Amino acid sequence: SYVGGHELLPYAIQAKFEADQLRERGIRREYWVVGPQYATAEKEFRVFWNLCKKLEIPMDVPGSYNSTESGLMKVSLWNGAFIFQAKSAQHPESLVGEALSGVIMAEAAKIKPIVWQQMIRPTLGDFDGWSIHTSTPEGKNHFYELFNFARDPLNEDWESFRMPAWRNNYVYKTPTLDADVKILLRLMEEHYGYSPFHIAQEY
C-alpha cells in the first residue's frame, strides 16, 4: 500500500508543471488504483490522500473526494491536470474507456485476469502508461505467471520483486535478519518435525 501511494507523488508534481500544456491539448494525466473491492483500493488511495494533506498540496474543490461508503475516492490537482481515482474490479465493464498514464493493481492475484488483459492494459496505450501489480500470492495463477514474465530478462520493460513479511518495518518494528529467521525455522523443524521454510522453498 505504501509503495503504490508514494509512487504517484512524483507524477503529481510533474503534472503541475505540465498543466498549461495539457490543458491546451485537451488532455490530463489520469491514474487509477484498482482493487478487488473498493476497500482494497482505498489503502493505496488513503496513502496518497494523506501525503497530499501532509505536504499541503492543494486539492481541487469540488473534484476531490474521499468516501469509502459511496465508493467515490478521487484526487484532482492543478485544475484537473492530474487525476487519481480508486476503482473496484467487481464490475469489470465499468473500467473501460479512459486513457490512463498509470495504474496500480492492488492485490492483483485476487482480481480476475480479464480485468488486466481486456479492461486495463489497453487503456495504457495512448500515453505509454505504466502499471504496478502488488499482491500476496494466491497459488500459481495469472499473477504468478505475470511475476515470472517480469523475471524474464528478455522482457526489459518489466521487473519482479518479492519480499518476506519480516522485512516490512511497518509490521515488524525491530529489524529481523534472514539468518535469524532460518535459525528459528530450523528449531521449529527439530521441535515439531516440519519446517515452513521447506514448504516455502518448494512453493
C-alpha atoms as a PDB file:
ATOM      1  CA  SER A   1       0.000   0.000   0.000  1.00  0.00           C
ATOM      2  CA  TYR A   2       2.810   2.405   0.854  1.00  0.00           C
ATOM      3  CA  VAL A   3       4.636   1.604  -2.386  1.00  0.00           C
ATOM      4  CA  GLY A   4       1.636   2.389  -4.552  1.00  0.00           C
ATOM      5  CA  GLY A   5       0.677   5.584  -2.734  1.00  0.00           C
ATOM      6  CA  HIS A   6       4.191   7.019  -2.747  1.00  0.00           C
ATOM      7  CA  GLU A   7       4.856   6.022  -6.359  1.00  0.00           C
ATOM      8  CA  LEU A   8       2.325   8.589  -7.561  1.00  0.00           C
ATOM      9  CA  LEU A   9       3.776  11.625  -5.809  1.00  0.00           C
ATOM     10  CA  PRO A  10       6.443  12.488  -8.449  1.00  0.00           C
ATOM     11  CA  TYR A  11       3.827  12.217 -11.209  1.00  0.00           C
ATOM     12  CA  ALA A  12       1.538  14.571  -9.319  1.00  0.00           C
ATOM     13  CA  ILE A  13       4.307  17.161  -9.023  1.00  0.00           C
ATOM     14  CA  GLN A  14       5.273  16.728 -12.672  1.00  0.00           C
ATOM     15  CA  ALA A  15       1.681  17.364 -13.735  1.00  0.00           C
ATOM     16  CA  LYS A  16       1.819  20.778 -12.046  1.00  0.00           C
ATOM     17  CA  PHE A  17       4.494  21.894 -14.496  1.00  0.00           C
ATOM     18  CA  GLU A  18       2.679  20.308 -17.445  1.00  0.00           C
ATOM     19  CA  ALA A  19      -0.743  21.670 -16.516  1.00  0.00           C
ATOM     20  CA  ASP A  20      -0.935  24.516 -19.059  1.00  0.00           C
ATOM     21  CA  GLN A  21       0.369  22.342 -21.882  1.00  0.00           C
ATOM     22  CA  LEU A  22      -2.032  19.527 -21.003  1.00  0.00           C
ATOM     23  CA  ARG A  23      -4.944  21.944 -20.921  1.00  0.00           C
ATOM     24  CA  GLU A  24      -4.044  23.308 -24.356  1.00  0.00           C
ATOM     25  CA  ARG A  25      -4.008  19.756 -25.728  1.00  0.00           C
ATOM     26  CA  GLY A  26      -7.312  18.934 -24.020  1.00  0.00           C
ATOM     27  CA  ILE A  27      -5.878  16.010 -22.062  1.00  0.00           C
ATOM     28  CA  ARG A  28      -4.986  15.195 -18.471  1.00  0.00           C
ATOM     29  CA  ARG A  29      -2.794  12.762 -16.551  1.00  0.00           C
ATOM     30  CA  GLU A  30      -5.092  10.150 -15.015  1.00  0.00           C
ATOM     31  CA  TYR A  31      -4.045   7.322 -12.720  1.00  0.00           C
ATOM     32  CA  TRP A  32      -6.088   4.565 -11.100  1.00  0.00           C
ATOM     33  CA  VAL A  33      -5.683   2.131  -8.269  1.00  0.00           C
ATOM     34  CA  VAL A  34      -7.808  -0.949  -8.978  1.00  0.00           C
ATOM     35  CA  GLY A  35      -8.594  -3.422  -6.211  1.00  0.00           C
ATOM     36  CA  PRO A  36     -10.874  -6.455  -5.905  1.00  0.00           C
ATOM     37  CA  GLN A  37     -13.207  -4.172  -3.912  1.00  0.00           C
ATOM     38  CA  TYR A  38     -13.226  -0.503  -3.031  1.00  0.00           C
ATOM     39  CA  ALA A  39     -11.945  -1.332   0.466  1.00  0.00           C
ATOM     40  CA  THR A  40      -8.772  -2.822  -1.023  1.00  0.00           C
ATOM     41  CA  ALA A  41      -8.137   0.075  -3.402  1.00  0.00           C
ATOM     42  CA  GLU A  42      -8.773   2.522  -0.561  1.00  0.00           C
ATOM     43  CA  LYS A  43      -5.497   1.575   1.154  1.00  0.00           C
ATOM     44  CA  GLU A  44      -3.298   2.963  -1.641  1.00  0.00           C
ATOM     45  CA  PHE A  45      -5.690   5.846  -2.152  1.00  0.00           C
ATOM     46  CA  ARG A  46      -5.521   6.774   1.536  1.00  0.00           C
ATOM     47  CA  VAL A  47      -1.693   6.830   1.459  1.00  0.00           C
ATOM     48  CA  PHE A  48      -1.706   9.317  -1.423  1.00  0.00           C
ATOM     49  CA  TRP A  49      -4.545  11.383   0.058  1.00  0.00           C
ATOM     50  CA  ASN A  50      -2.660  11.696   3.353  1.00  0.00           C
ATOM     51  CA  LEU A  51       0.550  12.620   1.510  1.00  0.00           C
ATOM     52  CA  CYS A  52      -1.250  15.475  -0.226  1.00  0.00           C
ATOM     53  CA  LYS A  53      -2.595  16.672   3.125  1.00  0.00           C
ATOM     54  CA  LYS A  54       0.786  16.367   4.837  1.00  0.00           C
ATOM     55  CA  LEU A  55       2.621  18.235   2.056  1.00  0.00           C
ATOM     56  CA  GLU A  56      -0.203  20.802   1.812  1.00  0.00           C
ATOM     57  CA  ILE A  57      -0.765  20.107  -1.870  1.00  0.00           C
ATOM     58  CA  PRO A  58      -3.959  21.996  -2.745  1.00  0.00           C
ATOM     59  CA  MET A  59      -6.604  19.565  -3.982  1.00  0.00           C
ATOM     60  CA  ASP A  60      -9.284  20.808  -6.348  1.00  0.00           C
ATOM     61  CA  VAL A  61     -12.593  21.504  -4.609  1.00  0.00           C
ATOM     62  CA  PRO A  62     -15.012  20.403  -5.905  1.00  0.00           C
ATOM     63  CA  GLY A  63     -13.349  17.462  -7.603  1.00  0.00           C
ATOM     64  CA  SER A  64     -11.590  15.701  -4.722  1.00  0.00           C
ATOM     65  CA  TYR A  65     -13.483  13.205  -2.585  1.00  0.00           C
ATOM     66  CA  ASN A  66     -12.643  10.525  -0.036  1.00  0.00           C
ATOM     67  CA  SER A  67     -15.717   8.393   0.675  1.00  0.00           C
ATOM     68  CA  THR A  68     -15.323   4.638   1.087  1.00  0.00           C
ATOM     69  CA  GLU A  69     -19.055   4.320   1.707  1.00  0.00           C
ATOM     70  CA  SER A  70     -20.083   5.690  -1.683  1.00  0.00           C
ATOM     71  CA  GLY A  71     -17.003   4.386  -3.484  1.00  0.00           C
ATOM     72  CA  LEU A  72     -16.150   7.920  -4.624  1.00  0.00           C
ATOM     73  CA  MET A  73     -12.417   8.276  -3.973  1.00  0.00           C
ATOM     74  CA  LYS A  74     -10.771  10.807  -6.215  1.00  0.00           C
ATOM     75  CA  VAL A  75      -7.938  13.334  -6.009  1.00  0.00           C
ATOM     76  CA  SER A  76      -7.928  16.165  -8.539  1.00  0.00           C
ATOM     77  CA  LEU A  77      -4.929  18.522  -8.702  1.00  0.00           C
ATOM     78  CA  TRP A  78      -3.954  21.599 -10.725  1.00  0.00           C
ATOM     79  CA  ASN A  79      -7.479  22.252 -12.041  1.00  0.00           C
ATOM     80  CA  GLY A  80      -7.898  18.691 -13.244  1.00  0.00           C
ATOM     81  CA  ALA A  81      -4.490  18.257 -14.907  1.00  0.00           C
ATOM     82  CA  PHE A  82      -3.836  15.322 -12.552  1.00  0.00           C
ATOM     83  CA  ILE A  83      -6.486  12.792 -11.502  1.00  0.00           C
ATOM     84  CA  PHE A  84      -6.087   9.799  -9.195  1.00  0.00           C
ATOM     85  CA  GLN A  85      -9.063   7.516  -8.576  1.00  0.00           C
ATOM     86  CA  ALA A  86      -9.779   4.323  -6.640  1.00  0.00           C
ATOM     87  CA  LYS A  87     -11.704   1.716  -8.626  1.00  0.00           C
ATOM     88  CA  SER A  88     -13.289  -1.640  -7.869  1.00  0.00           C
ATOM     89  CA  ALA A  89     -12.816  -4.666 -10.146  1.00  0.00           C
ATOM     90  CA  GLN A  90     -16.121  -6.203  -9.039  1.00  0.00           C
ATOM     91  CA  HIS A  91     -17.756  -4.822 -12.177  1.00  0.00           C
ATOM     92  CA  PRO A  92     -15.093  -5.015 -14.946  1.00  0.00           C
ATOM     93  CA  GLU A  93     -17.349  -3.369 -17.534  1.00  0.00           C
ATOM     94  CA  SER A  94     -17.062  -0.097 -15.579  1.00  0.00           C
ATOM     95  CA  LEU A  95     -13.289   0.018 -16.183  1.00  0.00           C
ATOM     96  CA  VAL A  96     -13.278   0.753 -19.895  1.00  0.00           C
ATOM     97  CA  GLY A  97     -12.768   3.844 -21.975  1.00  0.00           C
ATOM     98  CA  GLU A  98     -10.385   6.107 -20.047  1.00  0.00           C
ATOM     99  CA  ALA A  99      -6.826   6.695 -21.302  1.00  0.00           C
ATOM    100  CA  LEU A 100      -4.530   6.191 -18.313  1.00  0.00           C
ATOM    101  CA  SER A 101      -0.970   7.284 -17.620  1.00  0.00           C
ATOM    102  CA  GLY A 102      -0.526   4.651 -14.927  1.00  0.00           C
ATOM    103  CA  VAL A 103      -2.375   2.065 -12.859  1.00  0.00           C
ATOM    104  CA  ILE A 104      -1.807   0.219  -9.603  1.00  0.00           C
ATOM    105  CA  MET A 105      -3.359  -3.249  -9.468  1.00  0.00           C
ATOM    106  CA  ALA A 106      -3.804  -3.768  -5.717  1.00  0.00           C
ATOM    107  CA  GLU A 107      -3.992  -7.399  -4.535  1.00  0.00           C
ATOM    108  CA  ALA A 108      -3.635  -8.338  -8.189  1.00  0.00           C
ATOM    109  CA  ALA A 109      -3.807 -12.089  -7.522  1.00  0.00           C
ATOM    110  CA  LYS A 110      -7.400 -11.663  -6.310  1.00  0.00           C
ATOM    111  CA  ILE A 111      -8.535  -9.797  -9.438  1.00  0.00           C
ATOM    112  CA  LYS A 112      -9.895 -11.724 -12.427  1.00  0.00           C
ATOM    113  CA  PRO A 113      -7.356 -11.919 -15.293  1.00  0.00           C
ATOM    114  CA  ILE A 114      -9.833 -10.329 -17.721  1.00  0.00           C
ATOM    115  CA  VAL A 115      -9.659  -7.056 -15.783  1.00  0.00           C
ATOM    116  CA  TRP A 116      -5.979  -6.561 -16.597  1.00  0.00           C
ATOM    117  CA  GLN A 117      -5.933  -8.210 -20.005  1.00  0.00           C
ATOM    118  CA  GLN A 118      -9.044  -6.674 -21.576  1.00  0.00           C
ATOM    119  CA  MET A 119     -10.004  -3.677 -19.457  1.00  0.00           C
ATOM    120  CA  ILE A 120      -6.894  -2.025 -18.036  1.00  0.00           C
ATOM    121  CA  ARG A 121      -3.924  -2.812 -20.250  1.00  0.00           C
ATOM    122  CA  PRO A 122      -5.466  -1.298 -23.430  1.00  0.00           C
ATOM    123  CA  THR A 123      -6.113   1.994 -21.596  1.00  0.00           C
ATOM    124  CA  LEU A 124      -2.354   2.452 -21.066  1.00  0.00           C
ATOM    125  CA  GLY A 125      -1.610   2.548 -24.798  1.00  0.00           C
ATOM    126  CA  ASP A 126      -2.415   6.208 -25.514  1.00  0.00           C
ATOM    127  CA  PHE A 127       0.147   7.637 -23.085  1.00  0.00           C
ATOM    128  CA  ASP A 128       2.578   4.709 -22.954  1.00  0.00           C
ATOM    129  CA  GLY A 129       1.466   4.248 -19.346  1.00  0.00           C
ATOM    130  CA  TRP A 130       2.950   2.066 -16.610  1.00  0.00           C
ATOM    131  CA  SER A 131       1.498  -0.478 -14.221  1.00  0.00           C
ATOM    132  CA  ILE A 132       2.376  -1.815 -10.783  1.00  0.00           C
ATOM    133  CA  HIS A 133       0.920  -5.128  -9.607  1.00  0.00           C
ATOM    134  CA  THR A 134       1.151  -5.663  -5.861  1.00  0.00           C
ATOM    135  CA  SER A 135      -0.212  -8.725  -4.123  1.00  0.00           C
ATOM    136  CA  THR A 136       0.183 -11.588  -1.719  1.00  0.00           C
ATOM    137  CA  PRO A 137       0.438 -14.895  -3.631  1.00  0.00           C
ATOM    138  CA  GLU A 138      -2.677 -16.946  -4.346  1.00  0.00           C
ATOM    139  CA  GLY A 139      -1.013 -20.055  -5.770  1.00  0.00           C
ATOM    140  CA  LYS A 140       0.173 -20.489  -9.351  1.00  0.00           C
ATOM    141  CA  ASN A 141      -2.378 -18.313 -11.094  1.00  0.00           C
ATOM    142  CA  HIS A 142      -2.264 -15.369 -13.530  1.00  0.00           C
ATOM    143  CA  PHE A 143      -0.341 -13.239 -11.019  1.00  0.00           C
ATOM    144  CA  TYR A 144       2.272 -15.984 -10.694  1.00  0.00           C
ATOM    145  CA  GLU A 145       2.569 -16.091 -14.493  1.00  0.00           C
ATOM    146  CA  LEU A 146       2.936 -12.309 -14.696  1.00  0.00           C
ATOM    147  CA  PHE A 147       5.578 -12.401 -11.948  1.00  0.00           C
ATOM    148  CA  ASN A 148       7.598 -14.948 -13.952  1.00  0.00           C
ATOM    149  CA  PHE A 149       7.043 -12.983 -17.162  1.00  0.00           C
ATOM    150  CA  ALA A 150       8.607  -9.950 -15.482  1.00  0.00           C
ATOM    151  CA  ARG A 151      11.575 -12.047 -14.303  1.00  0.00           C
ATOM    152  CA  ASP A 152      12.499 -12.921 -17.878  1.00  0.00           C
ATOM    153  CA  PRO A 153      15.457 -10.726 -18.932  1.00  0.00           C
ATOM    154  CA  LEU A 154      14.011 -10.595 -22.449  1.00  0.00           C
ATOM    155  CA  ASN A 155      11.069  -8.544 -21.129  1.00  0.00           C
ATOM    156  CA  GLU A 156      13.148  -5.443 -20.469  1.00  0.00           C
ATOM    157  CA  ASP A 157      10.197  -3.188 -19.599  1.00  0.00           C
ATOM    158  CA  TRP A 158       9.168  -5.420 -16.689  1.00  0.00           C
ATOM    159  CA  GLU A 159      10.659  -6.228 -13.291  1.00  0.00           C
ATOM    160  CA  SER A 160       9.600  -8.506 -10.449  1.00  0.00           C
ATOM    161  CA  PHE A 161      10.296  -8.127  -6.745  1.00  0.00           C
ATOM    162  CA  ARG A 162       9.342 -10.156  -3.707  1.00  0.00           C
ATOM    163  CA  MET A 163       9.903  -9.539  -0.027  1.00  0.00           C
ATOM    164  CA  PRO A 164       9.239 -11.732   3.024  1.00  0.00           C
ATOM    165  CA  ALA A 165       6.885 -10.236   5.599  1.00  0.00           C
ATOM    166  CA  TRP A 166       9.569  -9.934   8.269  1.00  0.00           C
ATOM    167  CA  ARG A 167      11.370  -7.289   6.188  1.00  0.00           C
ATOM    168  CA  ASN A 168       8.344  -4.999   6.400  1.00  0.00           C
ATOM    169  CA  ASN A 169       9.349  -2.429   9.005  1.00  0.00           C
ATOM    170  CA  TYR A 170       5.765  -1.162   9.195  1.00  0.00           C
ATOM    171  CA  VAL A 171       4.757  -4.540  10.658  1.00  0.00           C
ATOM    172  CA  TYR A 172       7.952  -5.596  12.419  1.00  0.00           C
ATOM    173  CA  LYS A 173       9.449  -2.550  14.138  1.00  0.00           C
ATOM    174  CA  THR A 174      12.583  -4.425  15.239  1.00  0.00           C
ATOM    175  CA  PRO A 175      14.790  -5.366  12.267  1.00  0.00           C
ATOM    176  CA  THR A 176      14.778  -9.101  11.536  1.00  0.00           C
ATOM    177  CA  LEU A 177      17.659 -10.750   9.697  1.00  0.00           C
ATOM    178  CA  ASP A 178      17.112 -13.587   7.228  1.00  0.00           C
ATOM    179  CA  ALA A 179      19.719 -15.618   9.110  1.00  0.00           C
ATOM    180  CA  ASP A 180      17.738 -15.277  12.359  1.00  0.00           C
ATOM    181  CA  VAL A 181      14.564 -16.462  10.636  1.00  0.00           C
ATOM    182  CA  LYS A 182      16.346 -19.519   9.220  1.00  0.00           C
ATOM    183  CA  ILE A 183      17.591 -20.427  12.708  1.00  0.00           C
ATOM    184  CA  LEU A 184      14.059 -20.121  14.085  1.00  0.00           C
ATOM    185  CA  LEU A 185      12.628 -22.294  11.317  1.00  0.00           C
ATOM    186  CA  ARG A 186      15.339 -24.903  11.861  1.00  0.00           C
ATOM    187  CA  LEU A 187      14.466 -25.031  15.559  1.00  0.00           C
ATOM    188  CA  MET A 188      10.790 -25.444  14.659  1.00  0.00           C
ATOM    189  CA  GLU A 189      11.666 -28.359  12.413  1.00  0.00           C
ATOM    190  CA  GLU A 190      13.668 -30.033  15.190  1.00  0.00           C
ATOM    191  CA  HIS A 191      10.909 -29.471  17.736  1.00  0.00           C
ATOM    192  CA  TYR A 192       7.762 -30.040  15.641  1.00  0.00           C
ATOM    193  CA  GLY A 193       9.113 -32.275  12.883  1.00  0.00           C
ATOM    194  CA  TYR A 194       8.415 -29.955   9.939  1.00  0.00           C
ATOM    195  CA  SER A 195       9.774 -26.711   8.514  1.00  0.00           C
ATOM    196  CA  PRO A 196       7.625 -23.957   6.994  1.00  0.00           C
ATOM    197  CA  PHE A 197      10.837 -22.816   5.327  1.00  0.00           C
ATOM    198  CA  HIS A 198      10.990 -26.023   3.268  1.00  0.00           C
ATOM    199  CA  ILE A 199       7.365 -25.593   2.295  1.00  0.00           C
ATOM    200  CA  ALA A 200       8.093 -22.010   1.221  1.00  0.00           C
ATOM    201  CA  GLN A 201      11.125 -23.130  -0.775  1.00  0.00           C
ATOM    202  CA  GLU A 202       9.061 -25.720  -2.616  1.00  0.00           C
ATOM    203  CA  TYR A 203       6.385 -23.109  -3.331  1.00  0.00           C
END
